[in-house]
Amino acid sequence: MPATPACADARSAGLDVALVDHDALARCDASGGVAKVPRDAGEAIYRGWMLRNEAYAPYARFAAALAERGVHLRTTATHYRQAHELPSW
């Protein structure tokens, strides 16, 4: 898969890049969505399509699935919701 400009920029800045399966995340398959993310990668930034954030939110499940792999999102589910839902502004 060819790298996007954002991916290439991240790599040139010395950051590791991993692919998540957005479709799996949207289907509430968080484990499948993060299957290609290396274990114990430390802190991560999600740069992708927005995820729904209602009760039992895909983003929260995504964060939990990554945490099980030793990866922690810089943006918590609470902060993600506050930043993406206009009433929370």
C-alpha atoms as a PDB file:
ATOM      1  CA  MET A   1       0.000   0.000   0.000  1.00  0.00           C
ATOM      2  CA  PRO A   2       1.542   3.345  -0.995  1.00  0.00           C
ATOM      3  CA  ALA A   3       2.166   5.814   1.802  1.00  0.00           C
ATOM      4  CA  THR A   4      -0.003   8.902   1.978  1.00  0.00           C
ATOM      5  CA  PRO A   5       1.720  12.294   2.311  1.00  0.00           C
ATOM      6  CA  ALA A   6       0.744  12.390   6.005  1.00  0.00           C
ATOM      7  CA  CYS A   7       2.209   8.909   6.521  1.00  0.00           C
ATOM      8  CA  ALA A   8       5.432   9.851   4.727  1.00  0.00           C
ATOM      9  CA  ASP A   9       5.689  13.059   6.771  1.00  0.00           C
ATOM     10  CA  ALA A  10       5.226  11.148  10.026  1.00  0.00           C
ATOM     11  CA  ARG A  11       7.909   8.647   9.069  1.00  0.00           C
ATOM     12  CA  SER A  12      10.328  11.410   8.020  1.00  0.00           C
ATOM     13  CA  ALA A  13       9.755  12.988  11.450  1.00  0.00           C
ATOM     14  CA  GLY A  14      10.892   9.726  13.053  1.00  0.00           C
ATOM     15  CA  LEU A  15       7.436   8.451  14.023  1.00  0.00           C
ATOM     16  CA  ASP A  16       6.296   4.861  13.617  1.00  0.00           C
ATOM     17  CA  VAL A  17       3.173   4.380  11.513  1.00  0.00           C
ATOM     18  CA  ALA A  18       0.652   1.549  11.824  1.00  0.00           C
ATOM     19  CA  LEU A  19      -2.496   0.776   9.879  1.00  0.00           C
ATOM     20  CA  VAL A  20      -5.834   0.304  11.615  1.00  0.00           C
ATOM     21  CA  ASP A  21      -8.899  -1.160   9.931  1.00  0.00           C
ATOM     22  CA  HIS A  22     -11.516   1.605  10.153  1.00  0.00           C
ATOM     23  CA  ASP A  23     -14.235  -0.635   8.720  1.00  0.00           C
ATOM     24  CA  ALA A  24     -13.632  -3.187  11.491  1.00  0.00           C
ATOM     25  CA  LEU A  25     -13.702  -0.416  14.108  1.00  0.00           C
ATOM     26  CA  ALA A  26     -16.982   0.906  12.694  1.00  0.00           C
ATOM     27  CA  ARG A  27     -18.432  -2.638  12.926  1.00  0.00           C
ATOM     28  CA  CYS A  28     -17.441  -2.669  16.616  1.00  0.00           C
ATOM     29  CA  ASP A  29     -14.650  -5.192  15.954  1.00  0.00           C
ATOM     30  CA  ALA A  30     -11.966  -3.317  17.872  1.00  0.00           C
ATOM     31  CA  SER A  31      -9.601  -6.302  18.118  1.00  0.00           C
ATOM     32  CA  GLY A  32      -9.766  -6.828  14.364  1.00  0.00           C
ATOM     33  CA  GLY A  33      -9.314  -3.122  13.789  1.00  0.00           C
ATOM     34  CA  VAL A  34      -6.002  -3.029  15.631  1.00  0.00           C
ATOM     35  CA  ALA A  35      -4.668  -6.455  14.583  1.00  0.00           C
ATOM     36  CA  LYS A  36      -1.864  -4.878  12.478  1.00  0.00           C
ATOM     37  CA  VAL A  37      -0.730  -2.457  15.186  1.00  0.00           C
ATOM     38  CA  PRO A  38       2.554  -3.621  16.742  1.00  0.00           C
ATOM     39  CA  ARG A  39       2.404  -4.578  20.416  1.00  0.00           C
ATOM     40  CA  ASP A  40       4.012  -2.352  23.044  1.00  0.00           C
ATOM     41  CA  ALA A  41       4.338   0.587  20.671  1.00  0.00           C
ATOM     42  CA  GLY A  42       3.719   3.090  23.473  1.00  0.00           C
ATOM     43  CA  GLU A  43       1.887   6.346  22.835  1.00  0.00           C
ATOM     44  CA  ALA A  44      -0.115   6.715  19.638  1.00  0.00           C
ATOM     45  CA  ILE A  45      -2.013   9.357  17.716  1.00  0.00           C
ATOM     46  CA  TYR A  46      -5.062   8.318  15.692  1.00  0.00           C
ATOM     47  CA  ARG A  47      -5.050  10.017  12.299  1.00  0.00           C
ATOM     48  CA  GLY A  48      -8.030   8.716  10.396  1.00  0.00           C
ATOM     49  CA  TRP A  49     -11.730   8.924   9.731  1.00  0.00           C
ATOM     50  CA  MET A  50     -13.900  10.063  12.621  1.00  0.00           C
ATOM     51  CA  LEU A  51     -15.465   7.313  14.687  1.00  0.00           C
ATOM     52  CA  ARG A  52     -18.940   7.469  16.186  1.00  0.00           C
ATOM     53  CA  ASN A  53     -18.963   8.299  19.846  1.00  0.00           C
ATOM     54  CA  GLU A  54     -22.338   7.249  21.248  1.00  0.00           C
ATOM     55  CA  ALA A  55     -22.763   4.852  24.164  1.00  0.00           C
ATOM     56  CA  TYR A  56     -20.290   1.950  23.933  1.00  0.00           C
ATOM     57  CA  ALA A  57     -18.423   4.102  21.441  1.00  0.00           C
ATOM     58  CA  PRO A  58     -16.176   2.568  18.803  1.00  0.00           C
ATOM     59  CA  TYR A  59     -13.410   5.037  19.779  1.00  0.00           C
ATOM     60  CA  ALA A  60     -13.524   3.881  23.408  1.00  0.00           C
ATOM     61  CA  ARG A  61     -13.376   0.226  22.299  1.00  0.00           C
ATOM     62  CA  PHE A  62     -10.563   1.142  19.903  1.00  0.00           C
ATOM     63  CA  ALA A  63      -8.607   2.738  22.769  1.00  0.00           C
ATOM     64  CA  ALA A  64      -9.219  -0.299  24.996  1.00  0.00           C
ATOM     65  CA  ALA A  65      -8.108  -2.748  22.283  1.00  0.00           C
ATOM     66  CA  LEU A  66      -4.925  -0.753  21.744  1.00  0.00           C
ATOM     67  CA  ALA A  67      -4.262  -0.616  25.496  1.00  0.00           C
ATOM     68  CA  GLU A  68      -4.457  -4.423  25.564  1.00  0.00           C
ATOM     69  CA  ARG A  69      -1.625  -4.368  23.007  1.00  0.00           C
ATOM     70  CA  GLY A  70       0.467  -1.928  25.060  1.00  0.00           C
ATOM     71  CA  VAL A  71      -0.456   1.081  22.925  1.00  0.00           C
ATOM     72  CA  HIS A  72      -2.040   4.177  24.460  1.00  0.00           C
ATOM     73  CA  LEU A  73      -3.828   6.866  22.484  1.00  0.00           C
ATOM     74  CA  ARG A  74      -2.756  10.405  23.286  1.00  0.00           C
ATOM     75  CA  THR A  75      -6.389  11.520  22.920  1.00  0.00           C
ATOM     76  CA  THR A  76      -8.673   9.833  25.449  1.00  0.00           C
ATOM     77  CA  ALA A  77     -12.204   8.801  24.502  1.00  0.00           C
ATOM     78  CA  THR A  78     -13.554  11.667  26.627  1.00  0.00           C
ATOM     79  CA  HIS A  79     -11.345  14.229  24.902  1.00  0.00           C
ATOM     80  CA  TYR A  80     -12.134  12.734  21.482  1.00  0.00           C
ATOM     81  CA  ARG A  81     -15.836  13.166  22.150  1.00  0.00           C
ATOM     82  CA  GLN A  82     -15.414  16.722  23.413  1.00  0.00           C
ATOM     83  CA  ALA A  83     -13.421  17.679  20.326  1.00  0.00           C
ATOM     84  CA  HIS A  84     -15.756  16.072  17.773  1.00  0.00           C
ATOM     85  CA  GLU A  85     -19.251  16.770  19.043  1.00  0.00           C
ATOM     86  CA  LEU A  86     -20.344  20.370  18.658  1.00  0.00           C
ATOM     87  CA  PRO A  87     -22.545  20.456  21.801  1.00  0.00           C
ATOM     88  CA  SER A  88     -19.439  19.672  23.859  1.00  0.00           C
ATOM     89  CA  TRP A  89     -17.573  22.720  22.581  1.00  0.00           C
END
